[in-house]
Amino acid sequence: MEMNKKSVSELEEIVSQVRRDIVRMVHSCQSGHPGGSLGCTELLVALYFEVMNRKEGFDLDGKGEDLFFLSNGHISPVFYSVLARAGYFDVAELASFRKIGSRLQGHPTTHEGLPGIRIASGSLGQGLSVSIGAAQAKKLNHDKGLIYVLMGDGELQEGQVWEAAMYAPHNKVDNLIAIIDYNGAQIDGATQDVLSLGNLSAKWLAFGWHVIEIKNGNDIASILEGLSEAKSQANKGVPVIILLHTEMGNGVDFMMGSHKWHGVAPNNDQLAIALAQNQETLGDY
């Protein structure tokens, strides 16, 4: 779809509202993953409201548009909020998050027919492979659309990721932009303590990818600059990967700097604090 270009301040207003959605959704059902969702809010807002070429409506074929795949599906709160705020389904449906019979399950699924969802992403490590397949399909169909995929850094401890990492450069899958939520934390603690990832930039370079590093992955302007660079490198013979340095729990001070909030819901008092730190800009659901 043709979208009016938004200023950084307009995107930041959307970010603030999405953060409110995230903490309210997780609080309501006392279940979910607020930390990583808050850390990736700026990225998803930038993608859906500024960067990606999107069509009106939704179909699984996705012909003639850019496609996004969420591999680390546990950060579904931010994904659902951004999809709703971008018009894929009614914002009021966010109130059903993780409720019995809801289309908004804890991990996104496709059998519920929720607009915007292209893969079921419960088991980690599969999204890059799916995205490579979609990117190759676009090439076969002479479709100029780009494929974006988001993975968690802890997810890189899965072996399938590295099989896909070998495959994409070998097959010149250059219409693919992969993004790593590089927050250094996972459910059991720091990634370097659980299973060190080493020098990620050097690893992806060795596999034959074009590597872009965004040092402040919670700054809209920095994200837009990095994504612009990524798009400029597309279709040049190699896939592109972005190391997006984020802060788990960004925007809610007591959730930042700790892996505790990977999968813990705020209580009533904590919710009030979180909401006070993020202005209502588009109207709460």
C-alpha atoms as a PDB file:
ATOM      1  CA  MET A   1       0.000   0.000   0.000  1.00  0.00           C
ATOM      2  CA  GLU A   2       1.089   3.570  -0.508  1.00  0.00           C
ATOM      3  CA  MET A   3       1.802   5.010   2.925  1.00  0.00           C
ATOM      4  CA  ASN A   4       2.297   8.628   3.835  1.00  0.00           C
ATOM      5  CA  LYS A   5       5.833   9.054   5.070  1.00  0.00           C
ATOM      6  CA  LYS A   6       5.895   9.515   8.815  1.00  0.00           C
ATOM      7  CA  SER A   7       8.302  11.629  10.811  1.00  0.00           C
ATOM      8  CA  VAL A   8      10.418  10.145  13.579  1.00  0.00           C
ATOM      9  CA  SER A   9       8.195  11.840  16.152  1.00  0.00           C
ATOM     10  CA  GLU A  10       5.071  10.299  14.612  1.00  0.00           C
ATOM     11  CA  LEU A  11       6.669   6.865  14.701  1.00  0.00           C
ATOM     12  CA  GLU A  12       7.677   7.428  18.329  1.00  0.00           C
ATOM     13  CA  GLU A  13       4.039   8.172  19.171  1.00  0.00           C
ATOM     14  CA  ILE A  14       3.058   4.808  17.706  1.00  0.00           C
ATOM     15  CA  VAL A  15       5.868   3.154  19.691  1.00  0.00           C
ATOM     16  CA  SER A  16       4.504   4.615  22.920  1.00  0.00           C
ATOM     17  CA  GLN A  17       1.024   3.259  22.230  1.00  0.00           C
ATOM     18  CA  VAL A  18       2.329  -0.166  21.241  1.00  0.00           C
ATOM     19  CA  ARG A  19       4.254  -0.364  24.523  1.00  0.00           C
ATOM     20  CA  ARG A  20       1.016   0.328  26.389  1.00  0.00           C
ATOM     21  CA  ASP A  21      -0.699  -2.411  24.400  1.00  0.00           C
ATOM     22  CA  ILE A  22       2.070  -4.897  25.248  1.00  0.00           C
ATOM     23  CA  VAL A  23       2.024  -4.433  29.016  1.00  0.00           C
ATOM     24  CA  ARG A  24      -1.783  -4.347  29.161  1.00  0.00           C
ATOM     25  CA  MET A  25      -2.120  -7.523  27.083  1.00  0.00           C
ATOM     26  CA  VAL A  26       0.368  -9.483  29.181  1.00  0.00           C
ATOM     27  CA  HIS A  27      -1.056  -8.146  32.439  1.00  0.00           C
ATOM     28  CA  SER A  28      -4.622  -9.010  31.470  1.00  0.00           C
ATOM     29  CA  CYS A  29      -3.951 -12.746  31.084  1.00  0.00           C
ATOM     30  CA  GLN A  30      -0.981 -12.822  33.506  1.00  0.00           C
ATOM     31  CA  SER A  31       1.014 -14.627  30.851  1.00  0.00           C
ATOM     32  CA  GLY A  32       3.317 -13.760  27.959  1.00  0.00           C
ATOM     33  CA  HIS A  33       6.661 -12.240  27.086  1.00  0.00           C
ATOM     34  CA  PRO A  34       6.903  -8.479  27.665  1.00  0.00           C
ATOM     35  CA  GLY A  35      10.699  -8.059  27.743  1.00  0.00           C
ATOM     36  CA  GLY A  36      11.590  -8.978  24.187  1.00  0.00           C
ATOM     37  CA  SER A  37       8.376  -7.437  22.886  1.00  0.00           C
ATOM     38  CA  LEU A  38       9.282  -4.051  24.355  1.00  0.00           C
ATOM     39  CA  GLY A  39      12.829  -4.377  23.046  1.00  0.00           C
ATOM     40  CA  CYS A  40      11.637  -4.859  19.444  1.00  0.00           C
ATOM     41  CA  THR A  41       8.851  -2.261  19.432  1.00  0.00           C
ATOM     42  CA  GLU A  42      10.781   0.409  17.527  1.00  0.00           C
ATOM     43  CA  LEU A  43      11.878  -2.086  14.880  1.00  0.00           C
ATOM     44  CA  LEU A  44       8.410  -3.442  14.107  1.00  0.00           C
ATOM     45  CA  VAL A  45       6.881   0.036  14.082  1.00  0.00           C
ATOM     46  CA  ALA A  46       9.573   1.201  11.651  1.00  0.00           C
ATOM     47  CA  LEU A  47       9.031  -1.807   9.390  1.00  0.00           C
ATOM     48  CA  TYR A  48       5.239  -1.696   9.228  1.00  0.00           C
ATOM     49  CA  PHE A  49       4.660   2.043   9.273  1.00  0.00           C
ATOM     50  CA  GLU A  50       7.585   3.289   7.188  1.00  0.00           C
ATOM     51  CA  VAL A  51       9.847   0.758   5.504  1.00  0.00           C
ATOM     52  CA  MET A  52       7.941  -2.197   4.058  1.00  0.00           C
ATOM     53  CA  ASN A  53       5.962  -2.001   0.855  1.00  0.00           C
ATOM     54  CA  ARG A  54       2.554  -3.414   1.852  1.00  0.00           C
ATOM     55  CA  LYS A  55      -0.670  -4.054  -0.046  1.00  0.00           C
ATOM     56  CA  GLU A  56      -4.166  -3.260   1.143  1.00  0.00           C
ATOM     57  CA  GLY A  57      -5.708  -6.240   2.882  1.00  0.00           C
ATOM     58  CA  PHE A  58      -3.966  -9.541   3.503  1.00  0.00           C
ATOM     59  CA  ASP A  59      -3.398 -12.785   1.677  1.00  0.00           C
ATOM     60  CA  LEU A  60      -0.907 -15.564   2.318  1.00  0.00           C
ATOM     61  CA  ASP A  61       0.508 -15.369  -1.217  1.00  0.00           C
ATOM     62  CA  GLY A  62       1.871 -11.885  -0.543  1.00  0.00           C
ATOM     63  CA  LYS A  63       2.546 -11.252  -4.214  1.00  0.00           C
ATOM     64  CA  GLY A  64       3.802  -7.789  -5.087  1.00  0.00           C
ATOM     65  CA  GLU A  65       4.653  -6.746  -1.537  1.00  0.00           C
ATOM     66  CA  ASP A  66       7.373  -7.091   1.074  1.00  0.00           C
ATOM     67  CA  LEU A  67       6.846  -9.887   3.592  1.00  0.00           C
ATOM     68  CA  PHE A  68       7.777 -10.132   7.277  1.00  0.00           C
ATOM     69  CA  PHE A  69       8.304 -13.359   9.221  1.00  0.00           C
ATOM     70  CA  LEU A  70       8.568 -13.479  13.017  1.00  0.00           C
ATOM     71  CA  SER A  71      10.831 -16.374  13.971  1.00  0.00           C
ATOM     72  CA  ASN A  72      11.050 -15.709  17.726  1.00  0.00           C
ATOM     73  CA  GLY A  73       7.301 -16.091  18.075  1.00  0.00           C
ATOM     74  CA  HIS A  74       7.148 -15.637  21.839  1.00  0.00           C
ATOM     75  CA  ILE A  75       7.322 -11.849  21.338  1.00  0.00           C
ATOM     76  CA  SER A  76       3.826 -12.063  19.877  1.00  0.00           C
ATOM     77  CA  PRO A  77       2.468  -9.146  21.979  1.00  0.00           C
ATOM     78  CA  VAL A  78       4.446  -6.565  19.977  1.00  0.00           C
ATOM     79  CA  PHE A  79       3.613  -8.323  16.704  1.00  0.00           C
ATOM     80  CA  TYR A  80      -0.129  -8.404  17.406  1.00  0.00           C
ATOM     81  CA  SER A  81      -0.180  -4.787  18.560  1.00  0.00           C
ATOM     82  CA  VAL A  82       1.694  -3.525  15.497  1.00  0.00           C
ATOM     83  CA  LEU A  83      -0.495  -5.571  13.138  1.00  0.00           C
ATOM     84  CA  ALA A  84      -3.651  -4.216  14.747  1.00  0.00           C
ATOM     85  CA  ARG A  85      -2.399  -0.622  14.788  1.00  0.00           C
ATOM     86  CA  ALA A  86      -1.396  -1.032  11.122  1.00  0.00           C
ATOM     87  CA  GLY A  87      -4.962  -2.035  10.228  1.00  0.00           C
ATOM     88  CA  TYR A  88      -4.740  -5.798   9.748  1.00  0.00           C
ATOM     89  CA  PHE A  89      -7.471  -6.468  12.323  1.00  0.00           C
ATOM     90  CA  ASP A  90      -9.530  -4.553  14.865  1.00  0.00           C
ATOM     91  CA  VAL A  91      -7.500  -3.097  17.729  1.00  0.00           C
ATOM     92  CA  ALA A  92     -10.229  -4.226  20.164  1.00  0.00           C
ATOM     93  CA  GLU A  93      -9.215  -7.839  19.500  1.00  0.00           C
ATOM     94  CA  LEU A  94      -5.996  -7.249  21.440  1.00  0.00           C
ATOM     95  CA  ALA A  95      -8.099  -7.691  24.587  1.00  0.00           C
ATOM     96  CA  SER A  96      -8.444 -11.403  23.749  1.00  0.00           C
ATOM     97  CA  PHE A  97      -4.689 -12.126  23.925  1.00  0.00           C
ATOM     98  CA  ARG A  98      -4.034 -15.673  25.190  1.00  0.00           C
ATOM     99  CA  LYS A  99      -7.679 -16.170  26.124  1.00  0.00           C
ATOM    100  CA  ILE A 100      -9.478 -19.437  25.349  1.00  0.00           C
ATOM    101  CA  GLY A 101     -10.807 -19.369  21.784  1.00  0.00           C
ATOM    102  CA  SER A 102      -8.753 -16.306  20.843  1.00  0.00           C
ATOM    103  CA  ARG A 103      -7.027 -15.907  17.491  1.00  0.00           C
ATOM    104  CA  LEU A 104      -4.219 -14.177  19.393  1.00  0.00           C
ATOM    105  CA  GLN A 105      -2.470 -17.204  20.828  1.00  0.00           C
ATOM    106  CA  GLY A 106       0.730 -17.029  22.858  1.00  0.00           C
ATOM    107  CA  HIS A 107       2.722 -17.995  19.781  1.00  0.00           C
ATOM    108  CA  PRO A 108       1.297 -16.949  16.400  1.00  0.00           C
ATOM    109  CA  THR A 109      -0.490 -19.648  14.398  1.00  0.00           C
ATOM    110  CA  THR A 110      -1.918 -19.682  10.899  1.00  0.00           C
ATOM    111  CA  HIS A 111      -4.905 -22.003  11.340  1.00  0.00           C
ATOM    112  CA  GLU A 112      -6.858 -19.277  13.140  1.00  0.00           C
ATOM    113  CA  GLY A 113      -6.719 -17.090  10.015  1.00  0.00           C
ATOM    114  CA  LEU A 114      -5.449 -13.980  11.790  1.00  0.00           C
ATOM    115  CA  PRO A 115      -4.523 -11.379   9.131  1.00  0.00           C
ATOM    116  CA  GLY A 116      -0.809 -10.604   9.061  1.00  0.00           C
ATOM    117  CA  ILE A 117       0.350 -14.010  10.318  1.00  0.00           C
ATOM    118  CA  ARG A 118       2.308 -15.962   7.700  1.00  0.00           C
ATOM    119  CA  ILE A 119       3.892 -18.757   9.765  1.00  0.00           C
ATOM    120  CA  ALA A 120       3.300 -20.538  13.046  1.00  0.00           C
ATOM    121  CA  SER A 121       6.417 -19.716  15.034  1.00  0.00           C
ATOM    122  CA  GLY A 122       6.325 -21.687  18.236  1.00  0.00           C
ATOM    123  CA  SER A 123       9.540 -23.697  17.940  1.00  0.00           C
ATOM    124  CA  LEU A 124      12.572 -21.447  17.658  1.00  0.00           C
ATOM    125  CA  GLY A 125      15.127 -21.664  14.872  1.00  0.00           C
ATOM    126  CA  GLN A 126      12.832 -22.194  11.898  1.00  0.00           C
ATOM    127  CA  GLY A 127      12.037 -18.696  10.677  1.00  0.00           C
ATOM    128  CA  LEU A 128      15.214 -18.133   8.682  1.00  0.00           C
ATOM    129  CA  SER A 129      14.643 -21.323   6.686  1.00  0.00           C
ATOM    130  CA  VAL A 130      11.029 -20.363   5.957  1.00  0.00           C
ATOM    131  CA  SER A 131      12.104 -16.892   4.909  1.00  0.00           C
ATOM    132  CA  ILE A 132      14.723 -18.229   2.516  1.00  0.00           C
ATOM    133  CA  GLY A 133      12.023 -20.356   0.891  1.00  0.00           C
ATOM    134  CA  ALA A 134       9.749 -17.333   0.541  1.00  0.00           C
ATOM    135  CA  ALA A 135      12.603 -15.271  -0.902  1.00  0.00           C
ATOM    136  CA  GLN A 136      13.360 -17.935  -3.495  1.00  0.00           C
ATOM    137  CA  ALA A 137       9.671 -18.155  -4.386  1.00  0.00           C
ATOM    138  CA  LYS A 138       9.656 -14.416  -5.024  1.00  0.00           C
ATOM    139  CA  LYS A 139      12.593 -14.786  -7.386  1.00  0.00           C
ATOM    140  CA  LEU A 140      10.903 -17.639  -9.268  1.00  0.00           C
ATOM    141  CA  ASN A 141       7.784 -15.489  -9.625  1.00  0.00           C
ATOM    142  CA  HIS A 142       9.806 -12.439 -10.762  1.00  0.00           C
ATOM    143  CA  ASP A 143       8.426 -10.588  -7.736  1.00  0.00           C
ATOM    144  CA  LYS A 144      10.527  -7.594  -6.636  1.00  0.00           C
ATOM    145  CA  GLY A 145       9.307  -7.709  -3.028  1.00  0.00           C
ATOM    146  CA  LEU A 146      11.811  -8.166  -0.198  1.00  0.00           C
ATOM    147  CA  ILE A 147      11.658 -10.664   2.653  1.00  0.00           C
ATOM    148  CA  TYR A 148      12.322  -9.580   6.243  1.00  0.00           C
ATOM    149  CA  VAL A 149      12.764 -12.001   9.151  1.00  0.00           C
ATOM    150  CA  LEU A 150      13.383 -11.327  12.844  1.00  0.00           C
ATOM    151  CA  MET A 151      15.244 -13.787  15.073  1.00  0.00           C
ATOM    152  CA  GLY A 152      16.316 -13.643  18.703  1.00  0.00           C
ATOM    153  CA  ASP A 153      20.000 -13.905  19.582  1.00  0.00           C
ATOM    154  CA  GLY A 154      19.314 -16.822  21.924  1.00  0.00           C
ATOM    155  CA  GLU A 155      17.596 -18.485  18.977  1.00  0.00           C
ATOM    156  CA  LEU A 156      20.947 -18.613  17.189  1.00  0.00           C
ATOM    157  CA  GLN A 157      21.870 -21.477  19.498  1.00  0.00           C
ATOM    158  CA  GLU A 158      19.618 -23.660  17.303  1.00  0.00           C
ATOM    159  CA  GLY A 159      21.459 -25.686  14.660  1.00  0.00           C
ATOM    160  CA  GLN A 160      18.918 -25.183  11.876  1.00  0.00           C
ATOM    161  CA  VAL A 161      19.772 -21.475  11.821  1.00  0.00           C
ATOM    162  CA  TRP A 162      23.332 -22.235  10.729  1.00  0.00           C
ATOM    163  CA  GLU A 163      22.247 -24.677   8.042  1.00  0.00           C
ATOM    164  CA  ALA A 164      20.097 -21.875   6.622  1.00  0.00           C
ATOM    165  CA  ALA A 165      22.957 -19.413   7.074  1.00  0.00           C
ATOM    166  CA  MET A 166      25.105 -21.583   4.769  1.00  0.00           C
ATOM    167  CA  TYR A 167      22.342 -22.129   2.240  1.00  0.00           C
ATOM    168  CA  ALA A 168      21.345 -18.514   1.548  1.00  0.00           C
ATOM    169  CA  PRO A 169      24.706 -17.137   0.296  1.00  0.00           C
ATOM    170  CA  HIS A 170      25.452 -20.321  -1.663  1.00  0.00           C
ATOM    171  CA  ASN A 171      22.173 -19.869  -3.537  1.00  0.00           C
ATOM    172  CA  LYS A 172      22.479 -16.063  -3.825  1.00  0.00           C
ATOM    173  CA  VAL A 173      19.277 -15.389  -1.891  1.00  0.00           C
ATOM    174  CA  ASP A 174      19.862 -11.640  -2.039  1.00  0.00           C
ATOM    175  CA  ASN A 175      16.269 -10.419  -1.616  1.00  0.00           C
ATOM    176  CA  LEU A 176      16.407 -11.378   2.063  1.00  0.00           C
ATOM    177  CA  ILE A 177      17.048  -9.063   5.027  1.00  0.00           C
ATOM    178  CA  ALA A 178      17.451 -10.970   8.289  1.00  0.00           C
ATOM    179  CA  ILE A 179      17.475  -9.157  11.625  1.00  0.00           C
ATOM    180  CA  ILE A 180      18.786 -10.395  14.970  1.00  0.00           C
ATOM    181  CA  ASP A 181      17.350  -8.981  18.185  1.00  0.00           C
ATOM    182  CA  TYR A 182      20.758  -8.703  19.813  1.00  0.00           C
ATOM    183  CA  ASN A 183      19.822  -8.035  23.446  1.00  0.00           C
ATOM    184  CA  GLY A 184      22.235 -10.521  25.022  1.00  0.00           C
ATOM    185  CA  ALA A 185      19.524 -12.097  27.182  1.00  0.00           C
ATOM    186  CA  GLN A 186      17.336 -15.187  27.112  1.00  0.00           C
ATOM    187  CA  ILE A 187      15.030 -16.951  29.550  1.00  0.00           C
ATOM    188  CA  ASP A 188      17.850 -18.513  31.601  1.00  0.00           C
ATOM    189  CA  GLY A 189      20.121 -15.470  31.717  1.00  0.00           C
ATOM    190  CA  ALA A 190      22.783 -13.835  29.566  1.00  0.00           C
ATOM    191  CA  THR A 191      23.390 -15.552  26.231  1.00  0.00           C
ATOM    192  CA  GLN A 192      27.145 -15.427  26.866  1.00  0.00           C
ATOM    193  CA  ASP A 193      26.636 -17.492  30.035  1.00  0.00           C
ATOM    194  CA  VAL A 194      24.071 -19.957  28.678  1.00  0.00           C
ATOM    195  CA  LEU A 195      25.917 -20.629  25.409  1.00  0.00           C
ATOM    196  CA  SER A 196      28.214 -17.918  24.106  1.00  0.00           C
ATOM    197  CA  LEU A 197      27.551 -16.736  20.559  1.00  0.00           C
ATOM    198  CA  GLY A 198      31.091 -15.418  20.130  1.00  0.00           C
ATOM    199  CA  ASN A 199      31.720 -12.757  17.504  1.00  0.00           C
ATOM    200  CA  LEU A 200      28.430 -12.720  15.599  1.00  0.00           C
ATOM    201  CA  SER A 201      29.575 -10.211  13.011  1.00  0.00           C
ATOM    202  CA  ALA A 202      32.602 -12.340  12.131  1.00  0.00           C
ATOM    203  CA  LYS A 203      30.474 -15.493  12.020  1.00  0.00           C
ATOM    204  CA  TRP A 204      27.925 -14.110   9.556  1.00  0.00           C
ATOM    205  CA  LEU A 205      30.665 -12.552   7.433  1.00  0.00           C
ATOM    206  CA  ALA A 206      32.379 -15.930   7.298  1.00  0.00           C
ATOM    207  CA  PHE A 207      29.145 -17.502   6.108  1.00  0.00           C
ATOM    208  CA  GLY A 208      29.028 -14.990   3.249  1.00  0.00           C
ATOM    209  CA  TRP A 209      26.415 -12.475   4.429  1.00  0.00           C
ATOM    210  CA  HIS A 210      26.552  -8.693   4.207  1.00  0.00           C
ATOM    211  CA  VAL A 211      26.527  -7.579   7.852  1.00  0.00           C
ATOM    212  CA  ILE A 212      25.069  -4.308   9.148  1.00  0.00           C
ATOM    213  CA  GLU A 213      25.260  -3.368  12.814  1.00  0.00           C
ATOM    214  CA  ILE A 214      22.798  -0.969  14.451  1.00  0.00           C
ATOM    215  CA  LYS A 215      24.306   0.014  17.780  1.00  0.00           C
ATOM    216  CA  ASN A 216      21.155   1.683  19.139  1.00  0.00           C
ATOM    217  CA  GLY A 217      18.353  -0.657  18.165  1.00  0.00           C
ATOM    218  CA  ASN A 218      15.821   1.248  20.241  1.00  0.00           C
ATOM    219  CA  ASP A 219      16.297   4.521  18.372  1.00  0.00           C
ATOM    220  CA  ILE A 220      13.913   5.047  15.461  1.00  0.00           C
ATOM    221  CA  ALA A 221      16.292   7.217  13.447  1.00  0.00           C
ATOM    222  CA  SER A 222      19.126   4.684  13.792  1.00  0.00           C
ATOM    223  CA  ILE A 223      16.797   1.846  12.782  1.00  0.00           C
ATOM    224  CA  LEU A 224      15.568   3.714   9.711  1.00  0.00           C
ATOM    225  CA  GLU A 225      19.147   4.459   8.671  1.00  0.00           C
ATOM    226  CA  GLY A 226      20.165   0.822   9.094  1.00  0.00           C
ATOM    227  CA  LEU A 227      17.152  -0.505   7.212  1.00  0.00           C
ATOM    228  CA  SER A 228      17.787   1.966   4.402  1.00  0.00           C
ATOM    229  CA  GLU A 229      21.342   0.689   4.113  1.00  0.00           C
ATOM    230  CA  ALA A 230      20.063  -2.901   4.122  1.00  0.00           C
ATOM    231  CA  LYS A 231      17.635  -2.176   1.279  1.00  0.00           C
ATOM    232  CA  SER A 232      20.430  -0.543  -0.711  1.00  0.00           C
ATOM    233  CA  GLN A 233      22.445  -3.774  -0.405  1.00  0.00           C
ATOM    234  CA  ALA A 234      19.588  -6.030  -1.510  1.00  0.00           C
ATOM    235  CA  ASN A 235      19.762  -7.772  -4.886  1.00  0.00           C
ATOM    236  CA  LYS A 236      23.544  -7.562  -4.996  1.00  0.00           C
ATOM    237  CA  GLY A 237      24.283 -11.268  -4.857  1.00  0.00           C
ATOM    238  CA  VAL A 238      24.384 -11.917  -1.100  1.00  0.00           C
ATOM    239  CA  PRO A 239      21.800 -11.912   1.712  1.00  0.00           C
ATOM    240  CA  VAL A 240      21.845  -9.124   4.302  1.00  0.00           C
ATOM    241  CA  ILE A 241      21.780  -9.485   8.072  1.00  0.00           C
ATOM    242  CA  ILE A 242      21.328  -6.744  10.662  1.00  0.00           C
ATOM    243  CA  LEU A 243      22.691  -7.063  14.207  1.00  0.00           C
ATOM    244  CA  LEU A 244      20.179  -4.929  16.089  1.00  0.00           C
ATOM    245  CA  HIS A 245      21.438  -4.081  19.575  1.00  0.00           C
ATOM    246  CA  THR A 246      18.342  -3.713  21.758  1.00  0.00           C
ATOM    247  CA  GLU A 247      17.476  -3.513  25.450  1.00  0.00           C
ATOM    248  CA  MET A 248      15.080  -6.108  26.800  1.00  0.00           C
ATOM    249  CA  GLY A 249      12.141  -4.306  28.433  1.00  0.00           C
ATOM    250  CA  ASN A 250      12.994  -0.985  26.778  1.00  0.00           C
ATOM    251  CA  GLY A 251      10.629   1.827  27.729  1.00  0.00           C
ATOM    252  CA  VAL A 252       9.701   0.406  31.136  1.00  0.00           C
ATOM    253  CA  ASP A 253      12.494   1.204  33.569  1.00  0.00           C
ATOM    254  CA  PHE A 254      12.054  -1.678  36.011  1.00  0.00           C
ATOM    255  CA  MET A 255      12.055  -4.231  33.178  1.00  0.00           C
ATOM    256  CA  MET A 256      15.329  -3.042  31.640  1.00  0.00           C
ATOM    257  CA  GLY A 257      18.704  -4.587  32.376  1.00  0.00           C
ATOM    258  CA  SER A 258      17.415  -7.982  33.503  1.00  0.00           C
ATOM    259  CA  HIS A 259      16.390 -11.228  31.800  1.00  0.00           C
ATOM    260  CA  LYS A 260      13.717 -11.663  34.511  1.00  0.00           C
ATOM    261  CA  TRP A 261      11.097 -10.007  32.311  1.00  0.00           C
ATOM    262  CA  HIS A 262      11.626 -12.380  29.391  1.00  0.00           C
ATOM    263  CA  GLY A 263       8.400 -14.167  30.300  1.00  0.00           C
ATOM    264  CA  VAL A 264       6.887 -12.605  33.455  1.00  0.00           C
ATOM    265  CA  ALA A 265       3.676 -10.576  33.604  1.00  0.00           C
ATOM    266  CA  PRO A 266       3.471  -7.339  35.625  1.00  0.00           C
ATOM    267  CA  ASN A 267       1.165  -7.123  38.630  1.00  0.00           C
ATOM    268  CA  ASN A 268      -1.345  -4.285  39.090  1.00  0.00           C
ATOM    269  CA  ASP A 269       1.141  -1.850  40.644  1.00  0.00           C
ATOM    270  CA  GLN A 270       3.816  -2.635  38.056  1.00  0.00           C
ATOM    271  CA  LEU A 271       1.306  -2.146  35.248  1.00  0.00           C
ATOM    272  CA  ALA A 272       0.430   1.300  36.582  1.00  0.00           C
ATOM    273  CA  ILE A 273       4.117   2.268  36.646  1.00  0.00           C
ATOM    274  CA  ALA A 274       4.681   0.977  33.108  1.00  0.00           C
ATOM    275  CA  LEU A 275       1.669   2.853  31.749  1.00  0.00           C
ATOM    276  CA  ALA A 276       2.746   6.060  33.478  1.00  0.00           C
ATOM    277  CA  GLN A 277       6.045   5.857  31.591  1.00  0.00           C
ATOM    278  CA  ASN A 278       4.382   5.518  28.172  1.00  0.00           C
ATOM    279  CA  GLN A 279       1.908   8.092  26.951  1.00  0.00           C
ATOM    280  CA  GLU A 280      -1.428   7.085  25.441  1.00  0.00           C
ATOM    281  CA  THR A 281      -1.172   8.490  21.910  1.00  0.00           C
ATOM    282  CA  LEU A 282      -3.563   6.542  19.677  1.00  0.00           C
ATOM    283  CA  GLY A 283      -6.153   5.477  22.233  1.00  0.00           C
ATOM    284  CA  ASP A 284      -6.048   2.337  24.368  1.00  0.00           C
ATOM    285  CA  TYR A 285      -8.011  -0.656  23.148  1.00  0.00           C
END
